Amino acid sequence: MAQKILVIEDEPTLARLLSYNLSQEAYDTKVIDHGGDGLQEALQQSYDLIILDIMLPGLSGFEVLAKLRQKGNRTPVIILTARNAEDEVVQGLKHGADDYITKPFGVAELLARVAAVLRRTQSDEAAADIAKSNEKVIQAGELRIYPEKYEVVLGGESIPLRPKEFEVLLYLVQRPGVVVTRDDLMNIVWGFDYIGGQRTVDVHVSSLRKKLEMNQQSVQIDSIRGVGYKLVATMIKK
């Protein structure tokens, strides 16, 4: 069965370009040109991937993305941003985007990023299915992680994390006190074929660090300048 992709883009020429090239790769593609309508479509129908422009009528791409994640919709999202608009990229990643493409872009780059995100999603789903059959708890200080449930509890309080934040934290917790490079995190969490830069890692770690520090000081993520990150806890055990 063809994988389904929802394109939310109001610029007619770009929308046709996206639809045509995705269809040529045998993706089942639907285009919507309004933010609010795109949100309703994404919530009512099941899609394998959403390509989402930032500038939209009705609701902006950021608003659409935020509402999707608030409602528990975890469909992977690639945002379309303007060239050199780093603030858009950062904001999109913080809202839960899985990847981004800067306009203008080439067809080859578009198709490569789409394929990479879909592969990562399938891999994540397969790993989740395996984890369900082997329930365990990982503890670091006051932090308790339930890998098969994607749940994190710190000091007795549940900490809501986005999927990639959870995966970054899990990888660090499994290596307490060990410096993990940005490249390692990029390859393990986003995959070897991820095209984005290390800024993606930094944004997720920054957000994760703030969520941890709001609740307890017994667990923290230290930055090792020019290298990467390590998790420090007052007590580590599994």
Protein backbone atom coordinates (compact mmCIF):
# COMPACT_ATOMS: atom_id res chain seq x y z
CA MET A 1 0.00 0.00 0.00
CA ALA A 2 1.30 3.43 -0.94
CA GLN A 3 2.45 5.66 1.90
CA LYS A 4 0.20 8.68 2.41
CA ILE A 5 1.61 12.20 2.54
CA LEU A 6 -0.35 15.35 3.40
CA VAL A 7 1.03 18.57 1.91
CA ILE A 8 -0.18 21.80 3.55
CA GLU A 9 1.01 24.54 1.21
CA ASP A 10 -0.87 27.57 -0.14
CA GLU A 11 1.51 28.62 -2.93
CA PRO A 12 0.00 26.96 -6.05
CA THR A 13 3.20 26.46 -8.05
CA LEU A 14 5.09 24.93 -5.12
CA ALA A 15 2.08 22.79 -4.16
CA ARG A 16 1.90 21.37 -7.70
CA LEU A 17 5.65 20.72 -7.69
CA LEU A 18 5.44 18.84 -4.41
CA SER A 19 2.39 16.84 -5.42
CA TYR A 20 3.79 15.89 -8.83
CA ASN A 21 7.20 14.74 -7.62
CA LEU A 22 5.84 12.84 -4.64
CA SER A 23 3.28 11.11 -6.86
CA GLN A 24 6.07 10.16 -9.26
CA GLU A 25 7.68 8.29 -6.35
CA ALA A 26 4.40 6.40 -5.79
CA TYR A 27 3.36 8.30 -2.67
CA ASP A 28 -0.37 8.86 -2.18
CA THR A 29 -0.40 12.66 -1.87
CA LYS A 30 -3.10 15.14 -0.85
CA VAL A 31 -2.65 18.93 -0.95
CA ILE A 32 -4.50 21.45 1.24
CA ASP A 33 -3.91 25.20 0.98
CA HIS A 34 -5.27 26.41 4.33
CA GLY A 35 -3.81 26.00 7.81
CA GLY A 36 -7.07 25.30 9.62
CA ASP A 37 -8.29 22.88 6.96
CA GLY A 38 -4.94 21.13 6.97
CA LEU A 39 -5.10 20.68 10.73
CA GLN A 40 -8.56 19.11 10.56
CA GLU A 41 -7.48 16.79 7.75
CA ALA A 42 -4.41 15.66 9.71
CA LEU A 43 -6.51 14.98 12.81
CA GLN A 44 -9.32 13.15 10.98
CA GLN A 45 -7.28 11.03 8.56
CA SER A 46 -4.20 8.87 9.01
CA TYR A 47 -1.03 9.95 7.18
CA ASP A 48 2.52 8.64 7.15
CA LEU A 49 4.04 12.10 6.77
CA ILE A 50 3.03 15.78 6.69
CA ILE A 51 4.89 18.43 4.71
CA LEU A 52 3.98 21.75 6.30
CA ASP A 53 4.68 25.30 5.15
CA ILE A 54 5.18 27.94 7.85
CA MET A 55 3.32 30.81 6.17
CA LEU A 56 -0.31 29.73 5.71
CA PRO A 57 -3.73 31.39 5.74
CA GLY A 58 -5.96 30.63 8.71
CA LEU A 59 -3.39 29.05 11.00
CA SER A 60 0.36 29.32 10.63
CA GLY A 61 2.44 26.20 10.24
CA PHE A 62 3.70 26.64 13.81
CA GLU A 63 0.12 26.74 15.11
CA VAL A 64 -0.85 23.66 13.10
CA LEU A 65 2.18 21.75 14.38
CA ALA A 66 1.65 22.79 18.00
CA LYS A 67 -2.02 21.78 17.94
CA LEU A 68 -1.19 18.41 16.38
CA ARG A 69 1.33 17.59 19.10
CA GLN A 70 -0.97 18.89 21.86
CA LYS A 71 -3.65 16.47 20.68
CA GLY A 72 -1.21 13.56 20.71
CA ASN A 73 -0.79 13.31 16.95
CA ARG A 74 2.73 11.99 16.34
CA THR A 75 2.68 11.91 12.54
CA PRO A 76 6.17 12.95 11.39
CA VAL A 77 6.31 16.50 10.04
CA ILE A 78 8.75 18.19 7.67
CA ILE A 79 8.47 21.97 7.78
CA LEU A 80 9.21 24.28 4.83
CA THR A 81 11.15 27.40 5.87
CA ALA A 82 12.71 30.40 4.18
CA ARG A 83 16.42 30.36 3.40
CA ASN A 84 18.62 31.55 6.31
CA ALA A 85 15.59 31.61 8.65
CA GLU A 86 17.30 29.84 11.53
CA ASP A 87 14.70 31.11 14.00
CA GLU A 88 11.99 29.33 12.01
CA VAL A 89 13.97 26.11 12.06
CA VAL A 90 14.55 26.31 15.81
CA GLN A 91 10.91 27.15 16.54
CA GLY A 92 9.71 24.33 14.30
CA LEU A 93 11.94 21.78 16.00
CA LYS A 94 10.80 22.98 19.43
CA HIS A 95 7.17 22.49 18.37
CA GLY A 96 7.93 18.89 17.40
CA ALA A 97 8.94 18.94 13.73
CA ASP A 98 11.01 15.95 12.61
CA ASP A 99 12.95 17.70 9.87
CA TYR A 100 13.01 20.85 7.75
CA ILE A 101 13.68 21.97 4.18
CA THR A 102 14.71 25.50 3.29
CA LYS A 103 13.21 27.13 0.21
CA PRO A 104 14.13 27.08 -2.59
CA PHE A 105 15.09 23.41 -2.63
CA GLY A 106 15.88 20.77 -5.22
CA VAL A 107 13.64 17.81 -5.98
CA ALA A 108 16.41 15.37 -5.06
CA GLU A 109 16.80 16.93 -1.60
CA LEU A 110 13.06 16.88 -1.03
CA LEU A 111 12.70 13.21 -1.93
CA ALA A 112 15.78 12.27 0.11
CA ARG A 113 14.44 13.96 3.23
CA VAL A 114 10.99 12.44 2.80
CA ALA A 115 12.44 8.95 2.40
CA ALA A 116 14.77 9.43 5.40
CA VAL A 117 11.98 10.56 7.74
CA LEU A 118 9.73 7.70 6.66
CA ARG A 119 12.53 5.16 7.22
CA ARG A 120 13.25 6.55 10.69
CA THR A 121 9.55 6.40 11.57
CA GLN A 122 9.28 2.78 10.51
CA SER A 123 12.42 1.95 12.48
CA ASP A 124 11.08 3.72 15.59
CA GLU A 125 7.78 1.84 15.36
CA ALA A 126 9.56 -1.49 15.02
CA ALA A 127 11.75 -0.71 18.04
CA ALA A 128 8.68 0.27 20.08
CA ASP A 129 7.00 -3.02 19.27
CA ILE A 130 10.07 -4.93 20.46
CA ALA A 131 10.28 -2.89 23.65
CA LYS A 132 6.67 -3.64 24.57
CA SER A 133 7.55 -7.31 24.94
CA ASN A 134 10.37 -6.58 27.40
CA GLU A 135 9.17 -4.02 29.93
CA LYS A 136 11.83 -2.42 32.12
CA VAL A 137 12.58 0.70 34.12
CA ILE A 138 15.84 2.65 33.96
CA GLN A 139 16.70 4.87 36.91
CA ALA A 140 19.18 7.73 37.24
CA GLY A 141 19.00 9.55 40.56
CA GLU A 142 15.40 10.68 40.95
CA LEU A 143 14.75 10.03 37.27
CA ARG A 144 12.79 6.97 36.18
CA ILE A 145 12.40 6.10 32.49
CA TYR A 146 9.92 3.59 31.08
CA PRO A 147 11.27 2.89 27.57
CA GLU A 148 8.33 0.83 26.34
CA LYS A 149 5.85 3.54 27.34
CA TYR A 150 7.90 6.59 26.37
CA GLU A 151 7.28 7.88 29.91
CA VAL A 152 9.63 9.85 32.16
CA VAL A 153 9.09 10.50 35.88
CA LEU A 154 11.37 12.85 37.82
CA GLY A 155 11.00 13.35 41.56
CA GLY A 156 7.61 11.66 41.41
CA GLU A 157 6.29 14.00 38.69
CA SER A 158 5.65 13.01 35.08
CA ILE A 159 7.76 14.97 32.56
CA PRO A 160 6.15 15.37 29.11
CA LEU A 161 8.78 14.94 26.41
CA ARG A 162 8.60 14.94 22.64
CA PRO A 163 9.68 11.62 21.03
CA LYS A 164 13.14 12.79 19.99
CA GLU A 165 13.75 14.41 23.39
CA PHE A 166 12.88 11.09 24.99
CA GLU A 167 15.27 9.19 22.73
CA VAL A 168 18.10 11.64 23.43
CA LEU A 169 17.54 11.33 27.19
CA LEU A 170 17.35 7.54 27.03
CA TYR A 171 20.64 7.33 25.15
CA LEU A 172 22.38 9.62 27.66
CA VAL A 173 20.94 7.83 30.70
CA GLN A 174 22.22 4.51 29.40
CA ARG A 175 25.72 6.06 29.41
CA PRO A 176 25.90 7.93 32.75
CA GLY A 177 28.91 10.18 33.08
CA VAL A 178 30.12 9.35 29.56
CA VAL A 179 30.59 12.18 27.07
CA VAL A 180 28.40 11.54 24.03
CA THR A 181 29.30 13.46 20.90
CA ARG A 182 26.77 15.36 18.83
CA ASP A 183 27.53 13.05 15.90
CA ASP A 184 26.70 9.99 18.03
CA LEU A 185 23.39 11.49 19.10
CA MET A 186 22.59 12.51 15.54
CA ASN A 187 23.30 9.03 14.17
CA ILE A 188 21.52 7.09 16.91
CA VAL A 189 18.43 9.26 17.36
CA TRP A 190 17.94 10.73 13.86
CA GLY A 191 19.72 8.07 11.80
CA PHE A 192 22.84 7.98 9.63
CA ASP A 193 20.91 9.27 6.62
CA TYR A 194 19.63 12.40 8.40
CA ILE A 195 20.56 15.43 6.32
CA GLY A 196 20.05 18.15 8.95
CA GLY A 197 22.86 19.71 10.97
CA GLN A 198 23.97 19.42 14.59
CA ARG A 199 21.82 22.43 15.47
CA THR A 200 18.94 19.96 15.65
CA VAL A 201 20.70 18.07 18.46
CA ASP A 202 21.49 21.28 20.36
CA VAL A 203 17.88 22.49 20.19
CA HIS A 204 16.52 19.22 21.55
CA VAL A 205 19.12 18.98 24.33
CA SER A 206 18.45 22.60 25.35
CA SER A 207 14.72 21.95 25.60
CA LEU A 208 15.29 18.68 27.45
CA ARG A 209 17.67 20.30 29.92
CA LYS A 210 15.14 23.00 30.79
CA LYS A 211 12.41 20.43 31.46
CA LEU A 212 14.67 18.44 33.75
CA GLU A 213 15.94 21.47 35.67
CA MET A 214 12.40 22.72 36.30
CA ASN A 215 11.71 19.69 38.46
CA GLN A 216 14.88 18.42 40.12
CA GLN A 217 18.58 19.23 40.35
CA SER A 218 19.62 15.61 40.93
CA VAL A 219 19.84 14.98 37.18
CA GLN A 220 21.41 17.35 34.69
CA ILE A 221 22.91 17.36 31.21
CA ASP A 222 26.34 18.99 31.04
CA SER A 223 27.73 20.52 27.85
CA ILE A 224 31.29 19.57 26.96
CA ARG A 225 32.48 22.44 24.79
CA GLY A 226 33.29 21.39 21.24
CA VAL A 227 32.47 17.73 21.91
CA GLY A 228 28.95 16.95 23.08
CA TYR A 229 27.00 16.17 26.25
CA LYS A 230 26.97 13.92 29.29
CA LEU A 231 24.33 13.10 31.87
CA VAL A 232 25.22 13.59 35.54
CA ALA A 233 23.09 12.16 38.34
CA THR A 234 23.54 11.77 42.08
CA MET A 235 22.70 8.07 41.87
CA ILE A 236 22.68 5.77 38.84
CA LYS A 237 21.28 2.27 38.81
CA LYS A 238 19.28 -0.02 36.54
